[in-house]
Amino acid sequence: PDFGTKAPGGLIFTPPAHMFTAHSTPLSIRFLRHQAGIEPGSAALVARHGSWNRSRKSGYDVVLLRWRADGSVIEEPFITGFEKAERVIGRPVGIFETADGAIFITDDFARVIYRLVRSR
């Protein structure tokens, strides 16, 4: 949009399907393939590492994105609590899903790897 009329001829701009809050720092996206009740490729987890240069912190969580039939995306909280009252206790980085549905999330602040499994 900043180019306005200076854009090269024939350039087509497609608006983003989903946007995140500025400086929330999404570092990893993992499209889910092995979760009960979720069609493979219709949902993804995003690790948001968090901000450091804002007056109020943002990010510091893992969100679930779900694609609707019309192409729109719904964002839902998946794991929160890495930051409370401007105090950081974790910064999610990477996400991995195993064939049996376990999800691993790395945290480079707490220096741990979380393992999530469905409760029975």
PDB file of N, CA and C in Angstrom:
ATOM      1  N   PRO A   1       0.808  -1.213   0.000  1.00  0.00           N
ATOM      2  CA  PRO A   1       0.000   0.000   0.000  1.00  0.00           C
ATOM      3  C   PRO A   1       0.850   1.275   0.000  1.00  0.00           C
ATOM      4  N   ASP A   2       2.080   1.220   0.543  1.00  0.00           N
ATOM      5  CA  ASP A   2       2.924   2.413   0.590  1.00  0.00           C
ATOM      6  C   ASP A   2       3.345   2.872  -0.800  1.00  0.00           C
ATOM      7  N   PHE A   3       3.338   1.981  -1.788  1.00  0.00           N
ATOM      8  CA  PHE A   3       3.775   2.352  -3.123  1.00  0.00           C
ATOM      9  C   PHE A   3       2.694   3.138  -3.874  1.00  0.00           C
ATOM     10  N   GLY A   4       1.441   2.927  -3.526  1.00  0.00           N
ATOM     11  CA  GLY A   4       0.360   3.643  -4.195  1.00  0.00           C
ATOM     12  C   GLY A   4       0.458   3.523  -5.695  1.00  0.00           C
ATOM     13  N   THR A   5       0.485   4.642  -6.378  1.00  0.00           N
ATOM     14  CA  THR A   5       0.533   4.652  -7.839  1.00  0.00           C
ATOM     15  C   THR A   5       1.919   4.310  -8.371  1.00  0.00           C
ATOM     16  N   LYS A   6       2.922   4.180  -7.514  1.00  0.00           N
ATOM     17  CA  LYS A   6       4.286   3.846  -7.941  1.00  0.00           C
ATOM     18  C   LYS A   6       4.502   2.347  -8.104  1.00  0.00           C
ATOM     19  N   ALA A   7       3.492   1.542  -7.784  1.00  0.00           N
ATOM     20  CA  ALA A   7       3.625   0.085  -7.890  1.00  0.00           C
ATOM     21  C   ALA A   7       3.876  -0.307  -9.340  1.00  0.00           C
ATOM     22  N   PRO A   8       4.753  -1.285  -9.564  1.00  0.00           N
ATOM     23  CA  PRO A   8       5.007  -1.745 -10.938  1.00  0.00           C
ATOM     24  C   PRO A   8       3.711  -2.208 -11.599  1.00  0.00           C
ATOM     25  N   GLY A   9       3.616  -2.003 -12.886  1.00  0.00           N
ATOM     26  CA  GLY A   9       2.424  -2.403 -13.632  1.00  0.00           C
ATOM     27  C   GLY A   9       2.167  -3.895 -13.512  1.00  0.00           C
ATOM     28  N   GLY A  10       0.906  -4.260 -13.409  1.00  0.00           N
ATOM     29  CA  GLY A  10       0.531  -5.662 -13.336  1.00  0.00           C
ATOM     30  C   GLY A  10       0.678  -6.281 -11.954  1.00  0.00           C
ATOM     31  N   LEU A  11       1.166  -5.528 -10.982  1.00  0.00           N
ATOM     32  CA  LEU A  11       1.341  -6.053  -9.630  1.00  0.00           C
ATOM     33  C   LEU A  11      -0.021  -6.215  -8.973  1.00  0.00           C
ATOM     34  N   ILE A  12      -0.270  -7.384  -8.426  1.00  0.00           N
ATOM     35  CA  ILE A  12      -1.543  -7.651  -7.766  1.00  0.00           C
ATOM     36  C   ILE A  12      -1.272  -7.870  -6.287  1.00  0.00           C
ATOM     37  N   PHE A  13      -2.000  -7.164  -5.455  1.00  0.00           N
ATOM     38  CA  PHE A  13      -1.851  -7.279  -4.008  1.00  0.00           C
ATOM     39  C   PHE A  13      -2.979  -8.142  -3.454  1.00  0.00           C
ATOM     40  N   THR A  14      -2.619  -9.195  -2.735  1.00  0.00           N
ATOM     41  CA  THR A  14      -3.598 -10.042  -2.066  1.00  0.00           C
ATOM     42  C   THR A  14      -3.526  -9.753  -0.572  1.00  0.00           C
ATOM     43  N   PRO A  15      -4.606  -9.312   0.035  1.00  0.00           N
ATOM     44  CA  PRO A  15      -4.563  -9.020   1.474  1.00  0.00           C
ATOM     45  C   PRO A  15      -4.271 -10.292   2.274  1.00  0.00           C
ATOM     46  N   PRO A  16      -3.637 -10.165   3.433  1.00  0.00           N
ATOM     47  CA  PRO A  16      -3.337 -11.344   4.242  1.00  0.00           C
ATOM     48  C   PRO A  16      -4.619 -12.018   4.743  1.00  0.00           C
ATOM     49  N   ALA A  17      -4.570 -13.327   4.882  1.00  0.00           N
ATOM     50  CA  ALA A  17      -5.714 -14.077   5.403  1.00  0.00           C
ATOM     51  C   ALA A  17      -5.865 -13.860   6.910  1.00  0.00           C
ATOM     52  N   HIS A  18      -4.747 -13.560   7.580  1.00  0.00           N
ATOM     53  CA  HIS A  18      -4.771 -13.364   9.029  1.00  0.00           C
ATOM     54  C   HIS A  18      -3.602 -12.465   9.418  1.00  0.00           C
ATOM     55  N   MET A  19      -3.810 -11.622  10.404  1.00  0.00           N
ATOM     56  CA  MET A  19      -2.729 -10.762  10.888  1.00  0.00           C
ATOM     57  C   MET A  19      -2.588 -10.928  12.393  1.00  0.00           C
ATOM     58  N   PHE A  20      -1.360 -10.758  12.876  1.00  0.00           N
ATOM     59  CA  PHE A  20      -1.072 -10.806  14.306  1.00  0.00           C
ATOM     60  C   PHE A  20      -0.808  -9.400  14.824  1.00  0.00           C
ATOM     61  N   THR A  21      -0.940  -9.230  16.132  1.00  0.00           N
ATOM     62  CA  THR A  21      -0.606  -7.972  16.770  1.00  0.00           C
ATOM     63  C   THR A  21       0.861  -7.646  16.501  1.00  0.00           C
ATOM     64  N   ALA A  22       1.146  -6.382  16.265  1.00  0.00           N
ATOM     65  CA  ALA A  22       2.526  -5.961  16.018  1.00  0.00           C
ATOM     66  C   ALA A  22       3.419  -6.375  17.186  1.00  0.00           C
ATOM     67  N   HIS A  23       4.591  -6.837  16.870  1.00  0.00           N
ATOM     68  CA  HIS A  23       5.641  -7.206  17.832  1.00  0.00           C
ATOM     69  C   HIS A  23       5.290  -8.425  18.693  1.00  0.00           C
ATOM     70  N   SER A  24       4.255  -9.188  18.324  1.00  0.00           N
ATOM     71  CA  SER A  24       3.971 -10.420  19.079  1.00  0.00           C
ATOM     72  C   SER A  24       4.941 -11.526  18.671  1.00  0.00           C
ATOM     73  N   THR A  25       5.616 -11.366  17.559  1.00  0.00           N
ATOM     74  CA  THR A  25       6.719 -12.199  17.086  1.00  0.00           C
ATOM     75  C   THR A  25       6.362 -13.676  16.907  1.00  0.00           C
ATOM     76  N   PRO A  26       5.524 -13.995  15.922  1.00  0.00           N
ATOM     77  CA  PRO A  26       5.277 -15.408  15.616  1.00  0.00           C
ATOM     78  C   PRO A  26       6.533 -16.041  15.024  1.00  0.00           C
ATOM     79  N   LEU A  27       7.077 -17.051  15.705  1.00  0.00           N
ATOM     80  CA  LEU A  27       8.321 -17.672  15.262  1.00  0.00           C
ATOM     81  C   LEU A  27       8.120 -19.019  14.595  1.00  0.00           C
ATOM     82  N   SER A  28       7.056 -19.717  14.937  1.00  0.00           N
ATOM     83  CA  SER A  28       6.872 -21.067  14.428  1.00  0.00           C
ATOM     84  C   SER A  28       5.403 -21.298  14.132  1.00  0.00           C
ATOM     85  N   ILE A  29       5.146 -21.975  13.028  1.00  0.00           N
ATOM     86  CA  ILE A  29       3.786 -22.403  12.703  1.00  0.00           C
ATOM     87  C   ILE A  29       3.843 -23.889  12.362  1.00  0.00           C
ATOM     88  N   ARG A  30       2.924 -24.652  12.935  1.00  0.00           N
ATOM     89  CA  ARG A  30       2.873 -26.095  12.692  1.00  0.00           C
ATOM     90  C   ARG A  30       1.444 -26.451  12.311  1.00  0.00           C
ATOM     91  N   PHE A  31       1.260 -26.855  11.057  1.00  0.00           N
ATOM     92  CA  PHE A  31      -0.052 -27.326  10.631  1.00  0.00           C
ATOM     93  C   PHE A  31      -0.280 -28.700  11.250  1.00  0.00           C
ATOM     94  N   LEU A  32      -1.396 -28.849  11.944  1.00  0.00           N
ATOM     95  CA  LEU A  32      -1.685 -30.085  12.673  1.00  0.00           C
ATOM     96  C   LEU A  32      -2.148 -31.173  11.715  1.00  0.00           C
ATOM     97  N   ARG A  33      -1.600 -32.364  11.918  1.00  0.00           N
ATOM     98  CA  ARG A  33      -1.918 -33.489  11.034  1.00  0.00           C
ATOM     99  C   ARG A  33      -2.394 -34.719  11.792  1.00  0.00           C
ATOM    100  N   HIS A  34      -2.189 -34.767  13.108  1.00  0.00           N
ATOM    101  CA  HIS A  34      -2.453 -35.993  13.859  1.00  0.00           C
ATOM    102  C   HIS A  34      -3.317 -35.745  15.095  1.00  0.00           C
ATOM    103  N   GLN A  35      -4.273 -34.819  14.990  1.00  0.00           N
ATOM    104  CA  GLN A  35      -5.125 -34.513  16.132  1.00  0.00           C
ATOM    105  C   GLN A  35      -6.540 -35.005  15.868  1.00  0.00           C
ATOM    106  N   ALA A  36      -7.103 -35.713  16.841  1.00  0.00           N
ATOM    107  CA  ALA A  36      -8.469 -36.220  16.711  1.00  0.00           C
ATOM    108  C   ALA A  36      -9.433 -35.048  16.536  1.00  0.00           C
ATOM    109  N   GLY A  37     -10.335 -35.173  15.583  1.00  0.00           N
ATOM    110  CA  GLY A  37     -11.357 -34.158  15.374  1.00  0.00           C
ATOM    111  C   GLY A  37     -10.904 -32.957  14.561  1.00  0.00           C
ATOM    112  N   ILE A  38      -9.659 -32.968  14.096  1.00  0.00           N
ATOM    113  CA  ILE A  38      -9.169 -31.853  13.272  1.00  0.00           C
ATOM    114  C   ILE A  38      -8.724 -32.415  11.932  1.00  0.00           C
ATOM    115  N   GLU A  39      -9.337 -31.933  10.873  1.00  0.00           N
ATOM    116  CA  GLU A  39      -8.968 -32.347   9.514  1.00  0.00           C
ATOM    117  C   GLU A  39      -7.535 -31.887   9.239  1.00  0.00           C
ATOM    118  N   PRO A  40      -6.644 -32.784   8.811  1.00  0.00           N
ATOM    119  CA  PRO A  40      -5.260 -32.379   8.538  1.00  0.00           C
ATOM    120  C   PRO A  40      -5.186 -31.160   7.614  1.00  0.00           C
ATOM    121  N   GLY A  41      -4.404 -30.170   8.033  1.00  0.00           N
ATOM    122  CA  GLY A  41      -4.218 -28.959   7.249  1.00  0.00           C
ATOM    123  C   GLY A  41      -5.243 -27.872   7.494  1.00  0.00           C
ATOM    124  N   SER A  42      -6.250 -28.132   8.341  1.00  0.00           N
ATOM    125  CA  SER A  42      -7.288 -27.131   8.577  1.00  0.00           C
ATOM    126  C   SER A  42      -7.029 -26.297   9.827  1.00  0.00           C
ATOM    127  N   ALA A  43      -5.974 -26.623  10.555  1.00  0.00           N
ATOM    128  CA  ALA A  43      -5.646 -25.879  11.779  1.00  0.00           C
ATOM    129  C   ALA A  43      -4.133 -25.892  11.977  1.00  0.00           C
ATOM    130  N   ALA A  44      -3.650 -24.862  12.648  1.00  0.00           N
ATOM    131  CA  ALA A  44      -2.217 -24.753  12.907  1.00  0.00           C
ATOM    132  C   ALA A  44      -1.985 -24.116  14.265  1.00  0.00           C
ATOM    133  N   LEU A  45      -0.885 -24.490  14.889  1.00  0.00           N
ATOM    134  CA  LEU A  45      -0.445 -23.834  16.120  1.00  0.00           C
ATOM    135  C   LEU A  45       0.656 -22.846  15.762  1.00  0.00           C
ATOM    136  N   VAL A  46       0.642 -21.687  16.417  1.00  0.00           N
ATOM    137  CA  VAL A  46       1.653 -20.664  16.197  1.00  0.00           C
ATOM    138  C   VAL A  46       2.255 -20.286  17.545  1.00  0.00           C
ATOM    139  N   ALA A  47       3.580 -20.419  17.649  1.00  0.00           N
ATOM    140  CA  ALA A  47       4.303 -19.997  18.853  1.00  0.00           C
ATOM    141  C   ALA A  47       4.638 -18.522  18.699  1.00  0.00           C
ATOM    142  N   ARG A  48       4.120 -17.706  19.610  1.00  0.00           N
ATOM    143  CA  ARG A  48       4.413 -16.270  19.576  1.00  0.00           C
ATOM    144  C   ARG A  48       5.402 -15.964  20.698  1.00  0.00           C
ATOM    145  N   HIS A  49       6.598 -15.622  20.306  1.00  0.00           N
ATOM    146  CA  HIS A  49       7.742 -15.435  21.195  1.00  0.00           C
ATOM    147  C   HIS A  49       7.580 -14.236  22.118  1.00  0.00           C
ATOM    148  N   GLY A  50       6.826 -13.258  21.686  1.00  0.00           N
ATOM    149  CA  GLY A  50       6.570 -12.090  22.513  1.00  0.00           C
ATOM    150  C   GLY A  50       7.416 -10.891  22.150  1.00  0.00           C
ATOM    151  N   SER A  51       6.977  -9.751  22.641  1.00  0.00           N
ATOM    152  CA  SER A  51       7.610  -8.474  22.351  1.00  0.00           C
ATOM    153  C   SER A  51       8.651  -8.139  23.413  1.00  0.00           C
ATOM    154  N   TRP A  52       9.483  -7.196  23.090  1.00  0.00           N
ATOM    155  CA  TRP A  52      10.410  -6.667  24.093  1.00  0.00           C
ATOM    156  C   TRP A  52      10.459  -5.150  23.998  1.00  0.00           C
ATOM    157  N   ASN A  53       9.940  -4.598  22.906  1.00  0.00           N
ATOM    158  CA  ASN A  53      10.086  -3.174  22.649  1.00  0.00           C
ATOM    159  C   ASN A  53       8.734  -2.454  22.582  1.00  0.00           C
ATOM    160  N   ARG A  54       7.842  -2.814  23.471  1.00  0.00           N
ATOM    161  CA  ARG A  54       6.531  -2.162  23.538  1.00  0.00           C
ATOM    162  C   ARG A  54       6.294  -1.657  24.947  1.00  0.00           C
ATOM    163  N   SER A  55       5.402  -0.687  25.082  1.00  0.00           N
ATOM    164  CA  SER A  55       5.079  -0.198  26.419  1.00  0.00           C
ATOM    165  C   SER A  55       4.317  -1.266  27.213  1.00  0.00           C
ATOM    166  N   ARG A  56       3.482  -2.069  26.521  1.00  0.00           N
ATOM    167  CA  ARG A  56       2.821  -3.226  27.135  1.00  0.00           C
ATOM    168  C   ARG A  56       3.174  -4.445  26.311  1.00  0.00           C
ATOM    169  N   LYS A  57       3.589  -5.509  26.964  1.00  0.00           N
ATOM    170  CA  LYS A  57       4.020  -6.727  26.282  1.00  0.00           C
ATOM    171  C   LYS A  57       2.851  -7.380  25.529  1.00  0.00           C
ATOM    172  N   SER A  58       3.175  -8.051  24.431  1.00  0.00           N
ATOM    173  CA  SER A  58       2.174  -8.817  23.689  1.00  0.00           C
ATOM    174  C   SER A  58       2.829 -10.094  23.179  1.00  0.00           C
ATOM    175  N   GLY A  59       2.003 -11.075  22.864  1.00  0.00           N
ATOM    176  CA  GLY A  59       2.529 -12.368  22.441  1.00  0.00           C
ATOM    177  C   GLY A  59       2.683 -13.274  23.646  1.00  0.00           C
ATOM    178  N   TYR A  60       3.827 -13.948  23.746  1.00  0.00           N
ATOM    179  CA  TYR A  60       4.114 -14.844  24.877  1.00  0.00           C
ATOM    180  C   TYR A  60       3.014 -15.892  25.038  1.00  0.00           C
ATOM    181  N   ASP A  61       2.669 -16.560  23.948  1.00  0.00           N
ATOM    182  CA  ASP A  61       1.621 -17.568  24.002  1.00  0.00           C
ATOM    183  C   ASP A  61       1.716 -18.476  22.775  1.00  0.00           C
ATOM    184  N   VAL A  62       0.843 -19.452  22.748  1.00  0.00           N
ATOM    185  CA  VAL A  62       0.669 -20.304  21.574  1.00  0.00           C
ATOM    186  C   VAL A  62      -0.807 -20.177  21.204  1.00  0.00           C
ATOM    187  N   VAL A  63      -1.062 -19.859  19.931  1.00  0.00           N
ATOM    188  CA  VAL A  63      -2.441 -19.710  19.481  1.00  0.00           C
ATOM    189  C   VAL A  63      -2.765 -20.794  18.458  1.00  0.00           C
ATOM    190  N   LEU A  64      -4.043 -21.120  18.373  1.00  0.00           N
ATOM    191  CA  LEU A  64      -4.548 -22.077  17.402  1.00  0.00           C
ATOM    192  C   LEU A  64      -5.262 -21.298  16.308  1.00  0.00           C
ATOM    193  N   LEU A  65      -4.868 -21.527  15.066  1.00  0.00           N
ATOM    194  CA  LEU A  65      -5.544 -20.932  13.921  1.00  0.00           C
ATOM    195  C   LEU A  65      -6.380 -22.014  13.250  1.00  0.00           C
ATOM    196  N   ARG A  66      -7.634 -21.681  12.957  1.00  0.00           N
ATOM    197  CA  ARG A  66      -8.530 -22.611  12.259  1.00  0.00           C
ATOM    198  C   ARG A  66      -9.002 -21.955  10.969  1.00  0.00           C
ATOM    199  N   TRP A  67      -8.854 -22.689   9.861  1.00  0.00           N
ATOM    200  CA  TRP A  67      -9.296 -22.192   8.565  1.00  0.00           C
ATOM    201  C   TRP A  67     -10.747 -22.589   8.351  1.00  0.00           C
ATOM    202  N   ARG A  68     -11.580 -21.623   7.975  1.00  0.00           N
ATOM    203  CA  ARG A  68     -12.980 -21.877   7.668  1.00  0.00           C
ATOM    204  C   ARG A  68     -13.135 -22.158   6.179  1.00  0.00           C
ATOM    205  N   ALA A  69     -14.272 -22.696   5.806  1.00  0.00           N
ATOM    206  CA  ALA A  69     -14.539 -23.035   4.412  1.00  0.00           C
ATOM    207  C   ALA A  69     -14.472 -21.810   3.503  1.00  0.00           C
ATOM    208  N   ASP A  70     -14.807 -20.627   4.030  1.00  0.00           N
ATOM    209  CA  ASP A  70     -14.781 -19.412   3.203  1.00  0.00           C
ATOM    210  C   ASP A  70     -13.387 -18.798   3.088  1.00  0.00           C
ATOM    211  N   GLY A  71     -12.375 -19.451   3.690  1.00  0.00           N
ATOM    212  CA  GLY A  71     -11.005 -18.961   3.607  1.00  0.00           C
ATOM    213  C   GLY A  71     -10.590 -18.059   4.749  1.00  0.00           C
ATOM    214  N   SER A  72     -11.525 -17.647   5.592  1.00  0.00           N
ATOM    215  CA  SER A  72     -11.170 -16.809   6.738  1.00  0.00           C
ATOM    216  C   SER A  72     -10.507 -17.661   7.821  1.00  0.00           C
ATOM    217  N   VAL A  73      -9.822 -17.007   8.728  1.00  0.00           N
ATOM    218  CA  VAL A  73      -9.071 -17.687   9.784  1.00  0.00           C
ATOM    219  C   VAL A  73      -9.565 -17.199  11.135  1.00  0.00           C
ATOM    220  N   ILE A  74      -9.777 -18.144  12.044  1.00  0.00           N
ATOM    221  CA  ILE A  74     -10.161 -17.824  13.418  1.00  0.00           C
ATOM    222  C   ILE A  74      -8.964 -18.116  14.313  1.00  0.00           C
ATOM    223  N   GLU A  75      -8.614 -17.173  15.172  1.00  0.00           N
ATOM    224  CA  GLU A  75      -7.513 -17.353  16.133  1.00  0.00           C
ATOM    225  C   GLU A  75      -8.092 -17.617  17.519  1.00  0.00           C
ATOM    226  N   GLU A  76      -7.597 -18.673  18.181  1.00  0.00           N
ATOM    227  CA  GLU A  76      -8.033 -19.017  19.531  1.00  0.00           C
ATOM    228  C   GLU A  76      -6.813 -19.192  20.420  1.00  0.00           C
ATOM    229  N   PRO A  77      -6.895 -18.781  21.693  1.00  0.00           N
ATOM    230  CA  PRO A  77      -5.792 -19.066  22.611  1.00  0.00           C
ATOM    231  C   PRO A  77      -5.631 -20.580  22.758  1.00  0.00           C
ATOM    232  N   PHE A  78      -4.404 -21.056  22.802  1.00  0.00           N
ATOM    233  CA  PHE A  78      -4.132 -22.474  23.008  1.00  0.00           C
ATOM    234  C   PHE A  78      -3.373 -22.671  24.315  1.00  0.00           C
ATOM    235  N   ILE A  79      -2.270 -21.969  24.492  1.00  0.00           N
ATOM    236  CA  ILE A  79      -1.529 -21.975  25.761  1.00  0.00           C
ATOM    237  C   ILE A  79      -1.181 -20.534  26.102  1.00  0.00           C
ATOM    238  N   THR A  80      -1.557 -20.117  27.287  1.00  0.00           N
ATOM    239  CA  THR A  80      -1.257 -18.764  27.750  1.00  0.00           C
ATOM    240  C   THR A  80      -0.571 -18.845  29.112  1.00  0.00           C
ATOM    241  N   GLY A  81      -0.223 -17.708  29.658  1.00  0.00           N
ATOM    242  CA  GLY A  81       0.361 -17.681  31.001  1.00  0.00           C
ATOM    243  C   GLY A  81       1.869 -17.533  31.010  1.00  0.00           C
ATOM    244  N   PHE A  82       2.494 -17.349  29.843  1.00  0.00           N
ATOM    245  CA  PHE A  82       3.942 -17.144  29.797  1.00  0.00           C
ATOM    246  C   PHE A  82       4.311 -15.734  30.235  1.00  0.00           C
ATOM    247  N   GLU A  83       3.322 -14.852  30.325  1.00  0.00           N
ATOM    248  CA  GLU A  83       3.526 -13.471  30.782  1.00  0.00           C
ATOM    249  C   GLU A  83       2.304 -13.065  31.577  1.00  0.00           C
ATOM    250  N   LYS A  84       2.551 -12.564  32.767  1.00  0.00           N
ATOM    251  CA  LYS A  84       1.463 -12.081  33.614  1.00  0.00           C
ATOM    252  C   LYS A  84       1.894 -10.777  34.243  1.00  0.00           C
ATOM    253  N   ALA A  85       1.058  -9.764  34.090  1.00  0.00           N
ATOM    254  CA  ALA A  85       1.329  -8.442  34.673  1.00  0.00           C
ATOM    255  C   ALA A  85       2.718  -7.943  34.282  1.00  0.00           C
ATOM    256  N   GLU A  86       3.064  -8.104  32.995  1.00  0.00           N
ATOM    257  CA  GLU A  86       4.338  -7.640  32.442  1.00  0.00           C
ATOM    258  C   GLU A  86       5.552  -8.444  32.932  1.00  0.00           C
ATOM    259  N   ARG A  87       5.330  -9.547  33.634  1.00  0.00           N
ATOM    260  CA  ARG A  87       6.425 -10.413  34.084  1.00  0.00           C
ATOM    261  C   ARG A  87       6.473 -11.637  33.188  1.00  0.00           C
ATOM    262  N   VAL A  88       7.605 -11.847  32.525  1.00  0.00           N
ATOM    263  CA  VAL A  88       7.761 -12.954  31.578  1.00  0.00           C
ATOM    264  C   VAL A  88       8.324 -14.174  32.296  1.00  0.00           C
ATOM    265  N   ILE A  89       7.680 -15.329  32.077  1.00  0.00           N
ATOM    266  CA  ILE A  89       8.202 -16.580  32.637  1.00  0.00           C
ATOM    267  C   ILE A  89       8.484 -17.605  31.545  1.00  0.00           C
ATOM    268  N   GLY A  90       8.156 -17.258  30.291  1.00  0.00           N
ATOM    269  CA  GLY A  90       8.417 -18.171  29.187  1.00  0.00           C
ATOM    270  C   GLY A  90       8.255 -17.474  27.852  1.00  0.00           C
ATOM    271  N   ARG A  91       8.966 -18.011  26.841  1.00  0.00           N
ATOM    272  CA  ARG A  91       8.879 -17.484  25.474  1.00  0.00           C
ATOM    273  C   ARG A  91       8.849 -18.664  24.501  1.00  0.00           C
ATOM    274  N   PRO A  92       7.657 -19.063  24.035  1.00  0.00           N
ATOM    275  CA  PRO A  92       7.548 -20.188  23.103  1.00  0.00           C
ATOM    276  C   PRO A  92       8.300 -19.900  21.803  1.00  0.00           C
ATOM    277  N   VAL A  93       8.937 -20.949  21.265  1.00  0.00           N
ATOM    278  CA  VAL A  93       9.726 -20.783  20.052  1.00  0.00           C
ATOM    279  C   VAL A  93       9.286 -21.748  18.958  1.00  0.00           C
ATOM    280  N   GLY A  94       9.463 -23.048  19.174  1.00  0.00           N
ATOM    281  CA  GLY A  94       9.207 -24.034  18.131  1.00  0.00           C
ATOM    282  C   GLY A  94       8.124 -25.013  18.523  1.00  0.00           C
ATOM    283  N   ILE A  95       7.471 -25.580  17.505  1.00  0.00           N
ATOM    284  CA  ILE A  95       6.396 -26.547  17.728  1.00  0.00           C
ATOM    285  C   ILE A  95       6.645 -27.764  16.852  1.00  0.00           C
ATOM    286  N   PHE A  96       6.455 -28.948  17.438  1.00  0.00           N
ATOM    287  CA  PHE A  96       6.601 -30.199  16.697  1.00  0.00           C
ATOM    288  C   PHE A  96       5.450 -31.110  17.097  1.00  0.00           C
ATOM    289  N   GLU A  97       4.882 -31.817  16.130  1.00  0.00           N
ATOM    290  CA  GLU A  97       3.791 -32.766  16.395  1.00  0.00           C
ATOM    291  C   GLU A  97       4.238 -34.156  15.953  1.00  0.00           C
ATOM    292  N   THR A  98       4.043 -35.147  16.815  1.00  0.00           N
ATOM    293  CA  THR A  98       4.412 -36.519  16.474  1.00  0.00           C
ATOM    294  C   THR A  98       3.225 -37.245  15.841  1.00  0.00           C
ATOM    295  N   ALA A  99       3.502 -38.383  15.241  1.00  0.00           N
ATOM    296  CA  ALA A  99       2.462 -39.168  14.572  1.00  0.00           C
ATOM    297  C   ALA A  99       1.380 -39.653  15.535  1.00  0.00           C
ATOM    298  N   ASP A 100       1.715 -39.790  16.828  1.00  0.00           N
ATOM    299  CA  ASP A 100       0.702 -40.221  17.797  1.00  0.00           C
ATOM    300  C   ASP A 100      -0.055 -39.044  18.416  1.00  0.00           C
ATOM    301  N   GLY A 101       0.185 -37.816  17.913  1.00  0.00           N
ATOM    302  CA  GLY A 101      -0.570 -36.648  18.349  1.00  0.00           C
ATOM    303  C   GLY A 101       0.064 -35.836  19.463  1.00  0.00           C
ATOM    304  N   ALA A 102       1.187 -36.276  20.012  1.00  0.00           N
ATOM    305  CA  ALA A 102       1.855 -35.474  21.042  1.00  0.00           C
ATOM    306  C   ALA A 102       2.400 -34.200  20.403  1.00  0.00           C
ATOM    307  N   ILE A 103       2.365 -33.119  21.161  1.00  0.00           N
ATOM    308  CA  ILE A 103       2.875 -31.836  20.687  1.00  0.00           C
ATOM    309  C   ILE A 103       3.998 -31.408  21.621  1.00  0.00           C
ATOM    310  N   PHE A 104       5.120 -31.011  21.033  1.00  0.00           N
ATOM    311  CA  PHE A 104       6.261 -30.510  21.800  1.00  0.00           C
ATOM    312  C   PHE A 104       6.438 -29.031  21.475  1.00  0.00           C
ATOM    313  N   ILE A 105       6.655 -28.221  22.512  1.00  0.00           N
ATOM    314  CA  ILE A 105       6.858 -26.784  22.333  1.00  0.00           C
ATOM    315  C   ILE A 105       8.128 -26.389  23.069  1.00  0.00           C
ATOM    316  N   THR A 106       9.050 -25.759  22.354  1.00  0.00           N
ATOM    317  CA  THR A 106      10.291 -25.310  22.978  1.00  0.00           C
ATOM    318  C   THR A 106      10.095 -23.918  23.564  1.00  0.00           C
ATOM    319  N   ASP A 107      10.842 -23.641  24.629  1.00  0.00           N
ATOM    320  CA  ASP A 107      10.781 -22.354  25.326  1.00  0.00           C
ATOM    321  C   ASP A 107      12.214 -21.925  25.605  1.00  0.00           C
ATOM    322  N   ASP A 108      12.670 -20.867  24.947  1.00  0.00           N
ATOM    323  CA  ASP A 108      14.066 -20.474  25.113  1.00  0.00           C
ATOM    324  C   ASP A 108      14.303 -19.536  26.287  1.00  0.00           C
ATOM    325  N   PHE A 109      13.261 -19.134  26.985  1.00  0.00           N
ATOM    326  CA  PHE A 109      13.417 -18.336  28.207  1.00  0.00           C
ATOM    327  C   PHE A 109      13.560 -19.267  29.406  1.00  0.00           C
ATOM    328  N   ALA A 110      12.624 -20.201  29.523  1.00  0.00           N
ATOM    329  CA  ALA A 110      12.660 -21.161  30.638  1.00  0.00           C
ATOM    330  C   ALA A 110      13.630 -22.306  30.360  1.00  0.00           C
ATOM    331  N   ARG A 111      14.105 -22.410  29.106  1.00  0.00           N
ATOM    332  CA  ARG A 111      15.036 -23.466  28.686  1.00  0.00           C
ATOM    333  C   ARG A 111      14.460 -24.861  28.926  1.00  0.00           C
ATOM    334  N   VAL A 112      13.226 -25.038  28.451  1.00  0.00           N
ATOM    335  CA  VAL A 112      12.537 -26.320  28.595  1.00  0.00           C
ATOM    336  C   VAL A 112      11.851 -26.678  27.288  1.00  0.00           C
ATOM    337  N   ILE A 113      11.417 -27.932  27.208  1.00  0.00           N
ATOM    338  CA  ILE A 113      10.562 -28.396  26.124  1.00  0.00           C
ATOM    339  C   ILE A 113       9.318 -28.980  26.789  1.00  0.00           C
ATOM    340  N   TYR A 114       8.172 -28.422  26.439  1.00  0.00           N
ATOM    341  CA  TYR A 114       6.906 -28.905  26.984  1.00  0.00           C
ATOM    342  C   TYR A 114       6.360 -30.000  26.094  1.00  0.00           C
ATOM    343  N   ARG A 115       5.782 -31.023  26.705  1.00  0.00           N
ATOM    344  CA  ARG A 115       5.142 -32.106  25.964  1.00  0.00           C
ATOM    345  C   ARG A 115       3.663 -32.080  26.314  1.00  0.00           C
ATOM    346  N   LEU A 116       2.829 -31.970  25.303  1.00  0.00           N
ATOM    347  CA  LEU A 116       1.384 -31.950  25.514  1.00  0.00           C
ATOM    348  C   LEU A 116       0.779 -33.211  24.908  1.00  0.00           C
ATOM    349  N   VAL A 117      -0.045 -33.870  25.674  1.00  0.00           N
ATOM    350  CA  VAL A 117      -0.756 -35.043  25.184  1.00  0.00           C
ATOM    351  C   VAL A 117      -2.220 -34.908  25.565  1.00  0.00           C
ATOM    352  N   ARG A 118      -3.072 -35.491  24.747  1.00  0.00           N
ATOM    353  CA  ARG A 118      -4.508 -35.446  25.018  1.00  0.00           C
ATOM    354  C   ARG A 118      -4.826 -36.261  26.264  1.00  0.00           C
ATOM    355  N   SER A 119      -5.641 -35.698  27.160  1.00  0.00           N
ATOM    356  CA  SER A 119      -6.031 -36.460  28.342  1.00  0.00           C
ATOM    357  C   SER A 119      -7.030 -37.526  27.945  1.00  0.00           C
ATOM    358  N   ARG A 120      -7.050 -38.598  28.668  1.00  0.00           N
ATOM    359  CA  ARG A 120      -7.941 -39.708  28.327  1.00  0.00           C
ATOM    360  C   ARG A 120      -9.190 -39.680  29.148  1.00  0.00           C
TER     361      ARG A 120
END
